[in-house]
């Protein structure tokens, strides 16, 4: 039996003659879109936790998040002039329902989205308490997106560090769920009500 040998020189000539555009049509059928491979994020062997971070309260006092060891946490970026601001009432209701079982809601005011948090310091505390009866901890204003995001929020959106979530806040009232070991477990988009069944079930699973 004779072996058929396709000359290497001929293969090279075909590719060189075709050019870049020609090669694309040569190697893919008409109408098929080229898809480029995107590497998966490298997950850490052991995810970091939030206890390494220090934040400031509304009066400028530094607070270590290690103070919340053993608690289930819901971390939320808040704003006082947003259409979603009434979620503060739902967050307070959630906190009242589960705080005796170990849930703490942590509010982080941010002016990152359409300038919807113009208040500062004690004025934020007064607004939250007077209008929505907030008793859960609310901290000083922070940036939650972009290169200037505070260290905590950089961590919360970096799957290569937290091991679970690669989503940064797209608007006010984005929610991150943290387990009793300080590790990120889930997130909920801004429009998701704090009192929704989805949020409650996820919290109850960690309590």
N, C-alpha and C. Protein backbone atom coordinates (compact mmCIF):
# COMPACT_ATOMS: atom_id res chain seq x y z
N UNK A 1 0.84 -1.20 0.00
CA UNK A 1 0.00 0.00 0.00
C UNK A 1 0.87 1.24 0.00
N UNK A 2 0.55 2.17 -0.85
CA UNK A 2 1.34 3.39 -0.93
C UNK A 2 0.88 4.39 0.10
N UNK A 3 1.82 5.03 0.77
CA UNK A 3 1.50 6.08 1.75
C UNK A 3 1.43 7.42 1.03
N UNK A 4 0.37 8.17 1.33
CA UNK A 4 0.21 9.48 0.71
C UNK A 4 0.79 10.53 1.63
N UNK A 5 1.77 11.27 1.18
CA UNK A 5 2.45 12.28 1.98
C UNK A 5 2.03 13.66 1.47
N UNK A 6 1.43 14.46 2.37
CA UNK A 6 1.02 15.82 2.00
C UNK A 6 2.21 16.74 2.23
N UNK A 7 2.77 17.32 1.23
CA UNK A 7 4.02 18.09 1.37
C UNK A 7 3.88 19.22 2.37
N UNK A 8 4.85 19.32 3.29
CA UNK A 8 4.86 20.39 4.28
C UNK A 8 4.91 21.75 3.60
N UNK A 9 5.66 21.86 2.52
CA UNK A 9 5.79 23.13 1.81
C UNK A 9 4.44 23.60 1.30
N UNK A 10 3.60 22.65 0.86
CA UNK A 10 2.29 23.01 0.34
C UNK A 10 1.40 23.57 1.44
N UNK A 11 1.47 22.95 2.65
CA UNK A 11 0.69 23.44 3.79
C UNK A 11 1.09 24.87 4.12
N UNK A 12 2.39 25.12 4.17
CA UNK A 12 2.87 26.46 4.47
C UNK A 12 2.41 27.46 3.43
N UNK A 13 2.44 27.07 2.18
CA UNK A 13 2.04 27.97 1.11
C UNK A 13 0.57 28.35 1.24
N UNK A 14 -0.26 27.36 1.62
CA UNK A 14 -1.68 27.65 1.78
C UNK A 14 -1.92 28.72 2.84
N UNK A 15 -1.23 28.59 3.99
CA UNK A 15 -1.42 29.53 5.09
C UNK A 15 -0.85 30.90 4.75
N UNK A 16 0.31 30.93 4.13
CA UNK A 16 0.92 32.21 3.80
C UNK A 16 0.10 32.95 2.76
N UNK A 17 -0.47 32.22 1.82
CA UNK A 17 -1.26 32.85 0.76
C UNK A 17 -2.58 33.37 1.30
N UNK A 18 -3.15 32.61 2.24
CA UNK A 18 -4.47 32.96 2.76
C UNK A 18 -4.46 34.26 3.51
N UNK A 19 -3.36 34.55 4.26
CA UNK A 19 -3.33 35.74 5.11
C UNK A 19 -4.17 35.50 6.35
N UNK A 20 -4.19 36.48 7.28
CA UNK A 20 -4.88 36.30 8.57
C UNK A 20 -6.38 36.05 8.38
N UNK A 21 -7.03 36.87 7.54
CA UNK A 21 -8.47 36.71 7.33
C UNK A 21 -8.77 35.40 6.64
N UNK A 22 -7.93 35.08 5.67
CA UNK A 22 -8.13 33.84 4.95
C UNK A 22 -7.97 32.63 5.83
N UNK A 23 -7.02 32.68 6.74
CA UNK A 23 -6.80 31.56 7.66
C UNK A 23 -8.04 31.32 8.49
N UNK A 24 -8.66 32.42 8.98
CA UNK A 24 -9.85 32.29 9.81
C UNK A 24 -10.94 31.54 9.06
N UNK A 25 -11.16 31.91 7.78
CA UNK A 25 -12.21 31.24 7.01
C UNK A 25 -11.80 29.82 6.66
N UNK A 26 -10.48 29.60 6.55
CA UNK A 26 -9.97 28.29 6.19
C UNK A 26 -10.17 27.28 7.32
N UNK A 27 -10.04 27.76 8.58
CA UNK A 27 -10.08 26.83 9.72
C UNK A 27 -11.43 26.78 10.40
N UNK A 28 -12.38 27.67 10.05
CA UNK A 28 -13.70 27.60 10.68
C UNK A 28 -14.78 27.62 9.61
N UNK A 29 -15.82 26.83 9.80
CA UNK A 29 -16.92 26.81 8.84
C UNK A 29 -17.61 28.16 8.77
N UNK A 30 -18.23 28.46 7.63
CA UNK A 30 -18.94 29.73 7.46
C UNK A 30 -20.06 29.84 8.49
N UNK A 31 -20.21 31.05 9.07
CA UNK A 31 -21.29 31.30 10.01
C UNK A 31 -20.96 30.94 11.45
N UNK A 32 -19.84 30.28 11.69
CA UNK A 32 -19.47 29.91 13.06
C UNK A 32 -18.63 31.02 13.69
N UNK A 33 -18.99 31.42 14.91
CA UNK A 33 -18.25 32.46 15.61
C UNK A 33 -17.01 31.88 16.29
N UNK A 34 -15.92 32.62 16.21
CA UNK A 34 -14.71 32.20 16.91
C UNK A 34 -14.86 32.49 18.39
N UNK A 35 -14.53 31.55 19.24
CA UNK A 35 -14.59 31.75 20.67
C UNK A 35 -13.18 31.60 21.25
N UNK A 36 -12.80 32.58 22.04
CA UNK A 36 -11.46 32.57 22.59
C UNK A 36 -11.49 32.01 24.01
N UNK A 37 -10.55 31.19 24.32
CA UNK A 37 -10.47 30.55 25.63
C UNK A 37 -10.10 31.57 26.70
N UNK A 38 -10.85 31.58 27.77
CA UNK A 38 -10.58 32.48 28.89
C UNK A 38 -10.20 31.63 30.10
N UNK A 39 -9.02 31.84 30.66
CA UNK A 39 -8.60 31.01 31.79
C UNK A 39 -9.48 31.22 33.01
N UNK A 40 -9.74 30.13 33.72
CA UNK A 40 -10.52 30.23 34.95
C UNK A 40 -9.67 30.90 36.03
N UNK A 41 -10.32 31.66 36.94
CA UNK A 41 -9.56 32.28 38.03
C UNK A 41 -8.87 31.21 38.89
N UNK A 42 -7.70 31.54 39.36
CA UNK A 42 -6.96 30.62 40.21
C UNK A 42 -7.46 30.76 41.65
N UNK A 43 -8.21 29.78 42.10
CA UNK A 43 -8.76 29.84 43.45
C UNK A 43 -7.68 29.50 44.47
N UNK A 44 -7.72 30.20 45.60
CA UNK A 44 -6.70 29.93 46.63
C UNK A 44 -6.94 28.57 47.28
N UNK A 45 -5.85 27.93 47.71
CA UNK A 45 -6.00 26.66 48.41
C UNK A 45 -6.80 26.86 49.70
N UNK A 46 -6.59 27.97 50.33
CA UNK A 46 -7.36 28.31 51.53
C UNK A 46 -7.74 29.78 51.43
N UNK A 47 -9.04 30.04 51.32
CA UNK A 47 -9.51 31.40 51.12
C UNK A 47 -9.22 32.27 52.34
N UNK A 48 -8.97 33.54 52.07
CA UNK A 48 -8.79 34.50 53.16
C UNK A 48 -10.13 34.78 53.83
N UNK A 49 -10.07 35.37 55.02
CA UNK A 49 -11.29 35.79 55.68
C UNK A 49 -11.27 37.30 55.91
N UNK A 50 -12.38 37.84 56.38
CA UNK A 50 -12.50 39.30 56.52
C UNK A 50 -11.89 39.83 57.81
N UNK A 51 -11.44 38.94 58.68
CA UNK A 51 -10.97 39.39 60.00
C UNK A 51 -9.66 40.18 59.95
N UNK A 52 -9.03 40.19 58.79
CA UNK A 52 -7.77 40.94 58.64
C UNK A 52 -8.00 42.44 58.47
N UNK A 53 -9.28 42.84 58.25
CA UNK A 53 -9.56 44.22 57.91
C UNK A 53 -10.03 45.05 59.10
N UNK A 54 -9.64 46.32 59.06
CA UNK A 54 -10.08 47.30 60.04
C UNK A 54 -10.84 48.40 59.32
N UNK A 55 -11.97 48.80 59.86
CA UNK A 55 -12.78 49.85 59.26
C UNK A 55 -13.03 50.94 60.31
N UNK A 56 -13.67 52.03 59.91
CA UNK A 56 -13.99 53.11 60.84
C UNK A 56 -15.49 53.23 61.01
N UNK A 57 -15.91 53.50 62.25
CA UNK A 57 -17.33 53.74 62.47
C UNK A 57 -17.67 55.19 62.09
N UNK A 58 -18.92 55.56 62.26
CA UNK A 58 -19.37 56.89 61.83
C UNK A 58 -18.77 58.02 62.66
N UNK A 59 -18.07 57.69 63.72
CA UNK A 59 -17.46 58.71 64.58
C UNK A 59 -15.94 58.71 64.47
N UNK A 60 -15.43 57.94 63.49
CA UNK A 60 -14.00 57.92 63.21
C UNK A 60 -13.20 56.93 64.02
N UNK A 61 -13.86 56.11 64.83
CA UNK A 61 -13.16 55.11 65.64
C UNK A 61 -12.88 53.87 64.81
N UNK A 62 -11.64 53.34 64.91
CA UNK A 62 -11.30 52.14 64.17
C UNK A 62 -11.92 50.90 64.82
N UNK A 63 -12.44 50.03 63.96
CA UNK A 63 -13.09 48.81 64.40
C UNK A 63 -12.51 47.64 63.63
N UNK A 64 -12.03 46.62 64.33
CA UNK A 64 -11.52 45.42 63.68
C UNK A 64 -12.69 44.49 63.37
N UNK A 65 -12.74 43.99 62.15
CA UNK A 65 -13.80 43.05 61.82
C UNK A 65 -13.62 41.72 62.53
N UNK A 66 -12.47 41.53 63.16
CA UNK A 66 -12.26 40.34 63.99
C UNK A 66 -13.19 40.37 65.20
N UNK A 67 -13.74 41.54 65.51
CA UNK A 67 -14.71 41.63 66.61
C UNK A 67 -15.97 40.83 66.32
N UNK A 68 -16.16 40.47 65.05
CA UNK A 68 -17.37 39.74 64.66
C UNK A 68 -17.10 38.25 64.41
N UNK A 69 -16.00 37.76 64.93
CA UNK A 69 -15.71 36.33 64.78
C UNK A 69 -16.85 35.49 65.36
N UNK A 70 -17.21 34.45 64.62
CA UNK A 70 -18.27 33.57 65.08
C UNK A 70 -19.66 34.01 64.68
N UNK A 71 -19.77 35.17 64.01
CA UNK A 71 -21.06 35.68 63.57
C UNK A 71 -21.25 35.44 62.07
N UNK A 72 -22.49 35.30 61.66
CA UNK A 72 -22.83 35.33 60.23
C UNK A 72 -23.08 36.79 59.88
N UNK A 73 -22.47 37.28 58.81
CA UNK A 73 -22.54 38.70 58.48
C UNK A 73 -23.18 38.93 57.11
N UNK A 74 -23.97 39.99 57.03
CA UNK A 74 -24.47 40.47 55.75
C UNK A 74 -23.93 41.88 55.57
N UNK A 75 -22.99 42.03 54.63
CA UNK A 75 -22.33 43.31 54.40
C UNK A 75 -23.00 44.03 53.22
N UNK A 76 -23.44 45.26 53.45
CA UNK A 76 -24.26 45.97 52.47
C UNK A 76 -23.75 47.40 52.28
N UNK A 77 -23.59 47.82 51.02
CA UNK A 77 -23.26 49.24 50.76
C UNK A 77 -24.57 50.03 50.66
N UNK A 78 -24.74 51.01 51.51
CA UNK A 78 -26.01 51.73 51.64
C UNK A 78 -25.91 53.15 51.08
N UNK A 79 -27.07 53.79 50.94
CA UNK A 79 -27.14 55.18 50.50
C UNK A 79 -28.48 55.75 50.97
N UNK A 80 -28.49 57.01 51.33
CA UNK A 80 -29.69 57.62 51.91
C UNK A 80 -30.59 58.30 50.88
N UNK A 81 -30.15 58.42 49.63
CA UNK A 81 -30.93 59.13 48.61
C UNK A 81 -31.18 58.24 47.39
N UNK A 82 -31.33 56.97 47.63
CA UNK A 82 -31.50 55.99 46.56
C UNK A 82 -32.94 55.46 46.56
N UNK A 83 -33.40 55.04 45.39
CA UNK A 83 -34.72 54.43 45.33
C UNK A 83 -34.81 53.15 46.13
N UNK A 84 -33.65 52.56 46.43
CA UNK A 84 -33.62 51.33 47.22
C UNK A 84 -33.40 51.59 48.71
N UNK A 85 -33.32 52.86 49.11
CA UNK A 85 -33.06 53.19 50.51
C UNK A 85 -34.05 52.54 51.48
N UNK A 86 -35.33 52.35 51.12
CA UNK A 86 -36.24 51.63 52.02
C UNK A 86 -35.79 50.23 52.39
N UNK A 87 -34.80 49.68 51.68
CA UNK A 87 -34.26 48.38 52.09
C UNK A 87 -33.65 48.44 53.48
N UNK A 88 -33.33 49.65 53.96
CA UNK A 88 -32.82 49.77 55.33
C UNK A 88 -33.81 49.19 56.33
N UNK A 89 -35.09 49.40 56.08
CA UNK A 89 -36.13 48.84 56.96
C UNK A 89 -36.11 47.32 56.90
N UNK A 90 -35.97 46.76 55.69
CA UNK A 90 -35.90 45.31 55.54
C UNK A 90 -34.65 44.73 56.18
N UNK A 91 -33.53 45.43 56.07
CA UNK A 91 -32.29 44.97 56.69
C UNK A 91 -32.42 44.96 58.21
N UNK A 92 -33.07 45.99 58.75
CA UNK A 92 -33.29 46.03 60.20
C UNK A 92 -34.21 44.90 60.64
N UNK A 93 -35.24 44.63 59.87
CA UNK A 93 -36.15 43.53 60.19
C UNK A 93 -35.41 42.19 60.17
N UNK A 94 -34.56 42.01 59.17
CA UNK A 94 -33.75 40.78 59.07
C UNK A 94 -32.84 40.65 60.29
N UNK A 95 -32.21 41.75 60.66
CA UNK A 95 -31.31 41.76 61.82
C UNK A 95 -32.07 41.42 63.10
N UNK A 96 -33.23 42.01 63.30
CA UNK A 96 -34.03 41.74 64.50
C UNK A 96 -34.47 40.28 64.56
N UNK A 97 -34.77 39.72 63.41
CA UNK A 97 -35.24 38.33 63.36
C UNK A 97 -34.16 37.33 63.73
N UNK A 98 -32.92 37.59 63.26
CA UNK A 98 -31.87 36.58 63.39
C UNK A 98 -30.71 36.95 64.32
N UNK A 99 -30.72 38.13 64.90
CA UNK A 99 -29.55 38.54 65.68
C UNK A 99 -29.30 37.64 66.88
N UNK A 100 -30.34 37.11 67.49
CA UNK A 100 -30.15 36.23 68.64
C UNK A 100 -29.56 34.88 68.24
N UNK A 101 -29.62 34.56 66.96
CA UNK A 101 -29.03 33.32 66.46
C UNK A 101 -27.65 33.55 65.87
N UNK A 102 -27.20 34.83 65.83
CA UNK A 102 -25.82 35.07 65.40
C UNK A 102 -25.64 35.89 64.15
N UNK A 103 -26.71 36.51 63.60
CA UNK A 103 -26.56 37.33 62.41
C UNK A 103 -26.28 38.78 62.79
N UNK A 104 -25.35 39.41 62.07
CA UNK A 104 -25.12 40.85 62.20
C UNK A 104 -25.11 41.45 60.80
N UNK A 105 -25.87 42.51 60.60
CA UNK A 105 -25.84 43.27 59.36
C UNK A 105 -24.84 44.41 59.52
N UNK A 106 -23.96 44.58 58.55
CA UNK A 106 -22.98 45.67 58.59
C UNK A 106 -23.23 46.60 57.40
N UNK A 107 -23.56 47.86 57.69
CA UNK A 107 -23.83 48.82 56.64
C UNK A 107 -22.62 49.69 56.34
N UNK A 108 -22.31 49.85 55.05
CA UNK A 108 -21.20 50.69 54.62
C UNK A 108 -21.72 51.74 53.64
N UNK A 109 -22.05 52.94 54.12
CA UNK A 109 -22.51 54.00 53.22
C UNK A 109 -21.48 54.29 52.14
N UNK A 110 -21.97 54.56 50.93
CA UNK A 110 -21.07 54.87 49.82
C UNK A 110 -21.72 55.89 48.90
N UNK A 111 -20.91 56.80 48.39
CA UNK A 111 -21.39 57.82 47.46
C UNK A 111 -20.99 57.50 46.03
N UNK A 112 -20.65 56.25 45.77
CA UNK A 112 -20.11 55.86 44.47
C UNK A 112 -21.14 55.87 43.35
N UNK A 113 -22.41 55.76 43.67
CA UNK A 113 -23.43 55.61 42.63
C UNK A 113 -24.34 56.83 42.58
N UNK A 114 -24.11 57.66 41.57
CA UNK A 114 -24.94 58.85 41.30
C UNK A 114 -24.98 59.82 42.46
N UNK A 115 -23.96 59.83 43.31
CA UNK A 115 -23.90 60.77 44.42
C UNK A 115 -25.07 60.65 45.37
N UNK A 116 -25.51 59.41 45.61
CA UNK A 116 -26.73 59.21 46.39
C UNK A 116 -26.50 59.06 47.89
N UNK A 117 -25.27 59.29 48.33
CA UNK A 117 -25.02 59.38 49.77
C UNK A 117 -24.27 60.68 50.06
N UNK A 118 -24.99 61.79 50.16
CA UNK A 118 -24.35 63.09 50.40
C UNK A 118 -24.06 63.34 51.88
N UNK A 119 -24.66 62.54 52.77
CA UNK A 119 -24.50 62.77 54.21
C UNK A 119 -23.15 62.29 54.69
N UNK A 120 -22.77 62.76 55.86
CA UNK A 120 -21.50 62.38 56.47
C UNK A 120 -21.72 62.02 57.94
N UNK A 121 -20.85 61.14 58.45
CA UNK A 121 -20.76 60.88 59.88
C UNK A 121 -22.08 60.74 60.63
N UNK A 122 -22.24 61.57 61.65
CA UNK A 122 -23.40 61.48 62.53
C UNK A 122 -24.70 61.73 61.79
N UNK A 123 -24.66 62.50 60.70
CA UNK A 123 -25.87 62.75 59.93
C UNK A 123 -26.40 61.46 59.30
N UNK A 124 -25.50 60.56 58.92
CA UNK A 124 -25.91 59.26 58.39
C UNK A 124 -26.58 58.45 59.49
N UNK A 125 -25.97 58.43 60.66
CA UNK A 125 -26.54 57.68 61.78
C UNK A 125 -27.93 58.20 62.12
N UNK A 126 -28.08 59.52 62.17
CA UNK A 126 -29.37 60.12 62.50
C UNK A 126 -30.42 59.76 61.44
N UNK A 127 -30.04 59.82 60.18
CA UNK A 127 -30.97 59.50 59.10
C UNK A 127 -31.45 58.05 59.22
N UNK A 128 -30.52 57.13 59.38
CA UNK A 128 -30.86 55.70 59.43
C UNK A 128 -31.74 55.38 60.64
N UNK A 129 -31.42 55.98 61.77
CA UNK A 129 -32.17 55.71 63.00
C UNK A 129 -33.55 56.35 62.96
N UNK A 130 -33.59 57.61 62.59
CA UNK A 130 -34.86 58.36 62.61
C UNK A 130 -35.86 57.84 61.59
N UNK A 131 -35.39 57.51 60.39
CA UNK A 131 -36.30 57.15 59.30
C UNK A 131 -36.59 55.65 59.20
N UNK A 132 -35.63 54.82 59.63
CA UNK A 132 -35.82 53.38 59.44
C UNK A 132 -35.55 52.56 60.69
N UNK A 133 -35.32 53.21 61.81
CA UNK A 133 -35.13 52.49 63.07
C UNK A 133 -33.93 51.58 63.10
N UNK A 134 -32.89 51.93 62.35
CA UNK A 134 -31.71 51.06 62.22
C UNK A 134 -30.96 50.95 63.56
N UNK A 135 -30.70 49.72 63.96
CA UNK A 135 -29.89 49.47 65.16
C UNK A 135 -28.65 48.64 64.83
N UNK A 136 -28.57 48.09 63.61
CA UNK A 136 -27.38 47.33 63.24
C UNK A 136 -26.21 48.29 62.99
N UNK A 137 -24.97 47.82 63.07
CA UNK A 137 -23.80 48.70 62.90
C UNK A 137 -23.73 49.33 61.51
N UNK A 138 -23.53 50.63 61.48
CA UNK A 138 -23.31 51.35 60.23
C UNK A 138 -21.95 52.06 60.35
N UNK A 139 -21.12 51.91 59.34
CA UNK A 139 -19.75 52.41 59.40
C UNK A 139 -19.58 53.68 58.56
N UNK A 140 -18.37 54.19 58.56
CA UNK A 140 -18.07 55.42 57.83
C UNK A 140 -18.16 55.18 56.32
N UNK A 141 -18.36 56.25 55.56
CA UNK A 141 -18.46 56.15 54.11
C UNK A 141 -17.18 55.57 53.51
N UNK A 142 -17.37 54.72 52.51
CA UNK A 142 -16.23 54.11 51.82
C UNK A 142 -16.50 54.08 50.33
N UNK A 143 -15.44 53.84 49.57
CA UNK A 143 -15.58 53.56 48.15
C UNK A 143 -15.66 52.05 47.97
N UNK A 144 -16.59 51.61 47.11
CA UNK A 144 -16.82 50.18 46.99
C UNK A 144 -16.54 49.64 45.59
N UNK A 145 -16.08 50.49 44.67
CA UNK A 145 -15.79 50.02 43.33
C UNK A 145 -14.55 50.71 42.77
N UNK A 146 -13.98 50.11 41.74
CA UNK A 146 -12.83 50.71 41.07
C UNK A 146 -11.53 50.54 41.85
N UNK A 147 -10.48 51.15 41.34
CA UNK A 147 -9.15 51.02 41.94
C UNK A 147 -9.08 51.68 43.31
N UNK A 148 -9.97 52.63 43.58
CA UNK A 148 -9.96 53.32 44.87
C UNK A 148 -10.86 52.66 45.90
N UNK A 149 -11.43 51.51 45.57
CA UNK A 149 -12.27 50.81 46.54
C UNK A 149 -11.47 50.51 47.80
N UNK A 150 -12.13 50.57 48.94
CA UNK A 150 -11.43 50.30 50.21
C UNK A 150 -10.96 48.83 50.23
N UNK A 151 -9.97 48.50 51.03
CA UNK A 151 -9.42 47.14 51.04
C UNK A 151 -10.46 46.05 51.26
N UNK A 152 -11.43 46.29 52.13
CA UNK A 152 -12.47 45.29 52.38
C UNK A 152 -13.23 44.97 51.10
N UNK A 153 -13.64 46.00 50.38
CA UNK A 153 -14.44 45.76 49.17
C UNK A 153 -13.60 45.23 48.02
N UNK A 154 -12.33 45.55 47.98
CA UNK A 154 -11.46 44.92 46.99
C UNK A 154 -11.42 43.41 47.23
N UNK A 155 -11.33 43.03 48.48
CA UNK A 155 -11.31 41.61 48.84
C UNK A 155 -12.63 40.92 48.51
N UNK A 156 -13.75 41.57 48.85
CA UNK A 156 -15.06 40.96 48.64
C UNK A 156 -15.34 40.66 47.18
N UNK A 157 -14.73 41.41 46.27
CA UNK A 157 -14.98 41.23 44.83
C UNK A 157 -13.89 40.44 44.12
N UNK A 158 -12.91 39.93 44.86
CA UNK A 158 -11.76 39.25 44.25
C UNK A 158 -11.81 37.75 44.56
N UNK A 159 -12.27 36.96 43.61
CA UNK A 159 -12.42 35.52 43.82
C UNK A 159 -11.09 34.82 44.06
N UNK A 160 -10.01 35.40 43.55
CA UNK A 160 -8.71 34.78 43.76
C UNK A 160 -8.26 34.90 45.22
N UNK A 161 -8.94 35.77 45.98
CA UNK A 161 -8.63 35.91 47.41
C UNK A 161 -9.74 35.32 48.28
N UNK A 162 -11.00 35.62 47.94
CA UNK A 162 -12.08 35.14 48.81
C UNK A 162 -12.57 33.74 48.46
N UNK A 163 -12.21 33.25 47.27
CA UNK A 163 -12.52 31.87 46.92
C UNK A 163 -13.93 31.59 46.46
N UNK A 164 -14.82 32.60 46.44
CA UNK A 164 -16.22 32.35 46.12
C UNK A 164 -16.83 33.33 45.12
N UNK A 165 -16.54 34.60 45.28
CA UNK A 165 -17.29 35.65 44.58
C UNK A 165 -16.35 36.53 43.75
N UNK A 166 -16.75 36.81 42.51
CA UNK A 166 -15.96 37.71 41.67
C UNK A 166 -16.83 38.87 41.18
N UNK A 167 -17.80 39.26 41.99
CA UNK A 167 -18.75 40.30 41.60
C UNK A 167 -18.62 41.52 42.50
N UNK A 168 -18.41 42.68 41.88
CA UNK A 168 -18.34 43.93 42.64
C UNK A 168 -19.71 44.59 42.63
N UNK A 169 -19.98 45.49 43.56
CA UNK A 169 -21.28 46.17 43.57
C UNK A 169 -21.53 46.93 42.27
N UNK A 170 -22.73 46.77 41.73
CA UNK A 170 -23.12 47.51 40.54
C UNK A 170 -24.02 48.68 40.88
N UNK A 171 -24.46 48.72 42.14
CA UNK A 171 -25.34 49.80 42.60
C UNK A 171 -25.40 49.72 44.13
N UNK A 172 -26.16 50.64 44.71
CA UNK A 172 -26.34 50.63 46.16
C UNK A 172 -27.08 49.36 46.60
N UNK A 173 -26.82 48.95 47.82
CA UNK A 173 -27.49 47.82 48.47
C UNK A 173 -27.15 46.46 47.85
N UNK A 174 -25.91 46.34 47.38
CA UNK A 174 -25.36 45.04 47.00
C UNK A 174 -24.99 44.33 48.31
N UNK A 175 -25.24 43.03 48.38
CA UNK A 175 -25.10 42.32 49.66
C UNK A 175 -24.14 41.15 49.55
N UNK A 176 -23.21 41.05 50.49
CA UNK A 176 -22.29 39.91 50.59
C UNK A 176 -22.61 39.13 51.86
N UNK A 177 -22.68 37.81 51.74
CA UNK A 177 -22.96 36.96 52.88
C UNK A 177 -21.68 36.27 53.35
N UNK A 178 -21.40 36.40 54.63
CA UNK A 178 -20.15 35.89 55.22
C UNK A 178 -20.49 34.85 56.29
N UNK A 179 -19.76 33.73 56.31
CA UNK A 179 -20.06 32.69 57.30
C UNK A 179 -19.38 32.95 58.64
N UNK A 180 -19.55 32.03 59.57
CA UNK A 180 -19.04 32.21 60.94
C UNK A 180 -17.51 32.18 61.02
N UNK A 181 -16.86 31.73 59.94
CA UNK A 181 -15.40 31.73 59.89
C UNK A 181 -14.86 32.96 59.16
N UNK A 182 -15.74 33.88 58.82
CA UNK A 182 -15.30 35.11 58.16
C UNK A 182 -15.04 34.96 56.68
N UNK A 183 -15.56 33.88 56.08
CA UNK A 183 -15.32 33.63 54.66
C UNK A 183 -16.56 33.98 53.83
N UNK A 184 -16.32 34.56 52.66
CA UNK A 184 -17.40 34.93 51.75
C UNK A 184 -18.08 33.67 51.23
N UNK A 185 -19.42 33.65 51.29
CA UNK A 185 -20.16 32.49 50.83
C UNK A 185 -21.10 32.78 49.66
N UNK A 186 -21.60 34.01 49.58
CA UNK A 186 -22.56 34.31 48.52
C UNK A 186 -22.72 35.83 48.39
N UNK A 187 -23.48 36.23 47.39
CA UNK A 187 -23.82 37.65 47.25
C UNK A 187 -25.24 37.75 46.69
N UNK A 188 -25.84 38.92 46.88
CA UNK A 188 -27.19 39.18 46.37
C UNK A 188 -27.19 40.55 45.71
N UNK A 189 -27.76 40.62 44.52
CA UNK A 189 -27.79 41.87 43.77
C UNK A 189 -28.61 42.93 44.50
N UNK A 190 -28.39 44.17 44.11
CA UNK A 190 -29.03 45.30 44.77
C UNK A 190 -30.55 45.18 44.85
N UNK A 191 -31.17 44.69 43.79
CA UNK A 191 -32.62 44.64 43.74
C UNK A 191 -33.21 43.53 44.61
N UNK A 192 -32.38 42.61 45.09
CA UNK A 192 -32.87 41.51 45.92
C UNK A 192 -33.24 42.03 47.29
N UNK A 193 -34.49 41.86 47.67
CA UNK A 193 -34.96 42.35 48.97
C UNK A 193 -34.27 41.60 50.11
N UNK A 194 -33.88 42.31 51.16
CA UNK A 194 -33.26 41.63 52.32
C UNK A 194 -34.20 40.60 52.95
N UNK A 195 -35.50 40.80 52.78
CA UNK A 195 -36.48 39.90 53.39
C UNK A 195 -36.96 38.80 52.44
N UNK A 196 -36.32 38.70 51.28
CA UNK A 196 -36.72 37.67 50.31
C UNK A 196 -36.41 36.28 50.84
N UNK A 197 -37.13 35.31 50.32
CA UNK A 197 -36.91 33.92 50.73
C UNK A 197 -35.50 33.46 50.39
N UNK A 198 -34.99 33.94 49.26
CA UNK A 198 -33.63 33.57 48.84
C UNK A 198 -32.61 33.98 49.88
N UNK A 199 -32.70 35.21 50.37
CA UNK A 199 -31.75 35.71 51.36
C UNK A 199 -31.93 34.98 52.69
N UNK A 200 -33.17 34.82 53.11
CA UNK A 200 -33.44 34.16 54.40
C UNK A 200 -32.91 32.72 54.42
N UNK A 201 -33.16 31.99 53.34
CA UNK A 201 -32.70 30.60 53.29
C UNK A 201 -31.18 30.51 53.35
N UNK A 202 -30.51 31.42 52.64
CA UNK A 202 -29.04 31.40 52.63
C UNK A 202 -28.49 31.72 54.02
N UNK A 203 -29.12 32.65 54.71
CA UNK A 203 -28.69 33.00 56.07
C UNK A 203 -28.95 31.84 57.03
N UNK A 204 -30.14 31.28 56.97
CA UNK A 204 -30.49 30.19 57.88
C UNK A 204 -29.57 29.00 57.71
N UNK A 205 -29.09 28.77 56.48
CA UNK A 205 -28.18 27.65 56.23
C UNK A 205 -26.84 27.83 56.94
N UNK A 206 -26.48 29.08 57.25
CA UNK A 206 -25.20 29.36 57.91
C UNK A 206 -25.32 29.54 59.42
N UNK A 207 -26.53 29.75 59.90
CA UNK A 207 -26.71 29.98 61.34
C UNK A 207 -26.63 28.67 62.14
